[in-house]
């Protein structure tokens, strides 16, 4: 059987969908189903001659839906990366223990920026953990002190944008030991 081509002149304000009923009326009722599955339409618009590929309406709708879905997934999956790339702070966290590895709750911890003298005073929780979030960028020292234990300090901790540094400290019995 011979393939049919249909010529339609579209007005600039009209869509191809407006002419679909007219196109289907040109095909006899028994072959309308095959016309839906193999539309070969030539569209004349302004000085350009465009040829729409042979495809079913369902295929065109599905490809449009798939493009929209893929674009949405890509945009939404990239969204969590934006806040990370714009972070201008960092975090220092850690755990303070005695030489046997037992947690030291209630230990005083001072996180200090050695460049600006900015300091944050913290206290460890029941597990001996401390957390200093949203620290300005820079180089820090961490000092832990508890009764019956000598204070301990670590320095040269570099906080960069979006970093999360872990600084664990072990305090030893005695006075004045670093």
Protein backbone atom coordinates (compact mmCIF):
# COMPACT_ATOMS: atom_id res chain seq x y z
CA UNK A 1 0.00 0.00 0.00
CA UNK A 2 1.19 3.47 -0.80
CA UNK A 3 2.11 5.94 1.92
CA UNK A 4 -0.01 9.08 2.00
CA UNK A 5 1.35 12.54 2.67
CA UNK A 6 -0.89 15.39 3.70
CA UNK A 7 -0.21 19.08 3.16
CA UNK A 8 -1.58 21.55 5.64
CA UNK A 9 -1.05 25.28 5.77
CA UNK A 10 -0.75 26.40 9.38
CA UNK A 11 -1.44 29.84 10.66
CA UNK A 12 1.33 31.22 12.89
CA UNK A 13 -1.00 31.27 15.90
CA UNK A 14 -2.24 27.66 15.45
CA UNK A 15 -0.60 24.45 16.59
CA UNK A 16 -0.31 21.20 14.70
CA UNK A 17 -2.75 19.67 17.22
CA UNK A 18 -5.49 21.95 15.86
CA UNK A 19 -5.17 20.29 12.46
CA UNK A 20 -5.10 16.68 13.66
CA UNK A 21 -8.91 16.19 13.36
CA UNK A 22 -8.77 17.50 9.78
CA UNK A 23 -5.90 15.16 8.98
CA UNK A 24 -7.79 12.17 10.38
CA UNK A 25 -10.90 13.08 8.40
CA UNK A 26 -8.87 12.61 5.20
CA UNK A 27 -8.29 8.97 6.08
CA UNK A 28 -11.10 6.44 5.77
CA UNK A 29 -12.46 5.09 9.09
CA UNK A 30 -10.89 1.62 8.78
CA UNK A 31 -7.38 2.95 8.40
CA UNK A 32 -7.56 5.67 11.07
CA UNK A 33 -5.83 3.43 13.58
CA UNK A 34 -2.92 2.88 11.21
CA UNK A 35 -2.89 6.62 10.47
CA UNK A 36 -2.44 7.27 14.19
CA UNK A 37 0.51 4.91 14.30
CA UNK A 38 2.17 6.27 11.13
CA UNK A 39 1.55 9.96 10.57
CA UNK A 40 3.63 11.38 7.74
CA UNK A 41 2.85 15.08 7.76
CA UNK A 42 4.39 17.89 5.81
CA UNK A 43 3.89 21.27 7.39
CA UNK A 44 4.31 24.51 5.53
CA UNK A 45 4.92 27.47 7.78
CA UNK A 46 6.19 30.85 6.53
CA UNK A 47 9.00 30.32 3.99
CA UNK A 48 10.29 27.18 5.67
CA UNK A 49 9.23 23.66 4.78
CA UNK A 50 9.36 21.38 7.80
CA UNK A 51 8.78 17.65 7.73
CA UNK A 52 7.46 16.03 10.88
CA UNK A 53 8.92 12.51 11.27
CA UNK A 54 6.67 9.51 11.02
CA UNK A 55 5.68 8.78 14.58
CA UNK A 56 2.61 7.98 16.55
CA UNK A 57 0.95 10.57 18.73
CA UNK A 58 1.59 8.29 21.72
CA UNK A 59 5.32 8.16 20.89
CA UNK A 60 5.52 11.95 20.61
CA UNK A 61 3.72 12.41 23.93
CA UNK A 62 5.92 9.81 25.65
CA UNK A 63 9.14 11.36 24.35
CA UNK A 64 7.99 14.77 25.59
CA UNK A 65 7.10 13.28 28.98
CA UNK A 66 10.45 11.48 29.22
CA UNK A 67 12.38 14.67 28.36
CA UNK A 68 10.47 16.56 31.05
CA UNK A 69 11.04 13.81 33.61
CA UNK A 70 14.78 13.53 32.90
CA UNK A 71 15.22 17.31 33.08
CA UNK A 72 13.35 17.42 36.40
CA UNK A 73 15.47 14.63 37.89
CA UNK A 74 18.71 16.32 36.81
CA UNK A 75 17.69 19.69 38.23
CA UNK A 76 16.50 18.22 41.53
CA UNK A 77 19.55 15.98 41.95
CA UNK A 78 21.89 18.95 41.49
CA UNK A 79 20.06 21.04 44.12
CA UNK A 80 21.80 19.50 47.19
CA UNK A 81 25.20 20.43 45.73
CA UNK A 82 24.45 24.16 45.73
CA UNK A 83 24.44 24.73 49.53
CA UNK A 84 27.66 22.71 49.93
CA UNK A 85 29.52 24.71 47.31
CA UNK A 86 28.40 27.96 48.93
CA UNK A 87 29.38 26.98 52.48
CA UNK A 88 31.78 29.41 54.11
CA UNK A 89 32.10 27.57 57.43
CA UNK A 90 33.50 24.33 58.76
CA UNK A 91 33.09 22.04 61.76
CA UNK A 92 35.40 20.60 64.39
CA UNK A 93 34.16 17.66 66.43
CA UNK A 94 35.79 15.05 68.60
CA UNK A 95 35.81 12.87 71.68
CA UNK A 96 37.73 13.35 74.91
CA UNK A 97 38.83 10.19 76.76
CA UNK A 98 41.20 9.08 79.52
CA UNK A 99 44.16 6.75 78.79
CA UNK A 100 41.94 3.66 79.14
CA UNK A 101 39.54 4.97 76.46
CA UNK A 102 36.75 5.83 78.90
CA UNK A 103 34.74 8.94 78.01
CA UNK A 104 35.24 12.11 80.04
CA UNK A 105 31.84 13.81 80.29
CA UNK A 106 31.69 17.44 81.36
CA UNK A 107 35.20 18.23 80.07
CA UNK A 108 35.80 21.85 79.08
CA UNK A 109 36.88 22.20 75.44
CA UNK A 110 38.04 25.48 73.89
CA UNK A 111 38.18 25.75 70.08
CA UNK A 112 40.24 28.83 69.20
CA UNK A 113 41.11 30.44 65.86
CA UNK A 114 44.85 31.13 66.14
CA UNK A 115 44.71 33.88 63.48
CA UNK A 116 41.83 35.96 64.90
CA UNK A 117 41.65 34.82 68.56
CA UNK A 118 37.98 33.87 68.03
CA UNK A 119 37.16 31.18 70.62
CA UNK A 120 34.23 28.92 71.33
CA UNK A 121 33.83 27.28 74.76
CA UNK A 122 32.18 23.85 74.77
CA UNK A 123 31.46 21.04 77.24
CA UNK A 124 31.55 17.35 76.34
CA UNK A 125 28.36 15.29 76.58
CA UNK A 126 27.89 11.97 78.46
CA UNK A 127 29.85 10.12 75.75
CA UNK A 128 32.74 12.61 75.95
CA UNK A 129 31.85 14.13 72.56
CA UNK A 130 31.91 17.79 71.57
CA UNK A 131 30.80 19.63 68.45
CA UNK A 132 31.74 23.09 67.18
CA UNK A 133 29.69 23.72 64.00
CA UNK A 134 29.75 26.75 61.70
CA UNK A 135 33.29 27.86 62.48
CA UNK A 136 34.74 30.65 60.34
CA UNK A 137 37.53 29.50 58.04
CA UNK A 138 41.04 29.51 59.47
CA UNK A 139 43.58 27.64 61.59
CA UNK A 140 42.42 26.43 65.01
CA UNK A 141 43.71 24.93 68.23
CA UNK A 142 41.64 22.66 70.45
CA UNK A 143 42.31 22.53 74.19
CA UNK A 144 40.59 20.11 76.58
CA UNK A 145 40.77 20.38 80.38
CA UNK A 146 39.12 18.40 83.17
CA UNK A 147 39.66 18.15 86.91
CA UNK A 148 42.25 15.49 87.88
CA UNK A 149 43.66 15.56 84.35
CA UNK A 150 46.30 17.69 82.73
CA UNK A 151 45.02 19.93 79.90
CA UNK A 152 45.83 18.80 76.39
CA UNK A 153 46.03 20.97 73.29
CA UNK A 154 46.31 20.30 69.57
CA UNK A 155 47.01 23.09 67.08
CA UNK A 156 47.34 23.55 63.34
CA UNK A 157 43.83 22.34 62.55
CA UNK A 158 42.82 23.89 59.22
CA UNK A 159 39.11 24.57 58.79
CA UNK A 160 38.10 25.05 55.17
CA UNK A 161 34.73 25.62 53.52
CA UNK A 162 32.41 22.69 54.15
CA UNK A 163 34.99 20.59 56.05
CA UNK A 164 34.23 18.45 59.08
CA UNK A 165 37.42 17.79 61.09
CA UNK A 166 37.58 15.24 63.89
CA UNK A 167 39.98 16.02 66.74
CA UNK A 168 39.97 13.35 69.45
CA UNK A 169 41.97 14.01 72.63
CA UNK A 170 43.22 11.75 75.39
CA UNK A 171 43.79 13.41 78.75
CA UNK A 172 46.40 12.00 81.14
CA UNK A 173 46.44 12.26 84.94
CA UNK A 174 48.60 14.97 86.35
CA UNK A 175 49.14 18.68 86.07
CA UNK A 176 50.86 20.67 83.32
CA UNK A 177 51.24 17.86 80.76
CA UNK A 178 50.62 18.79 77.08
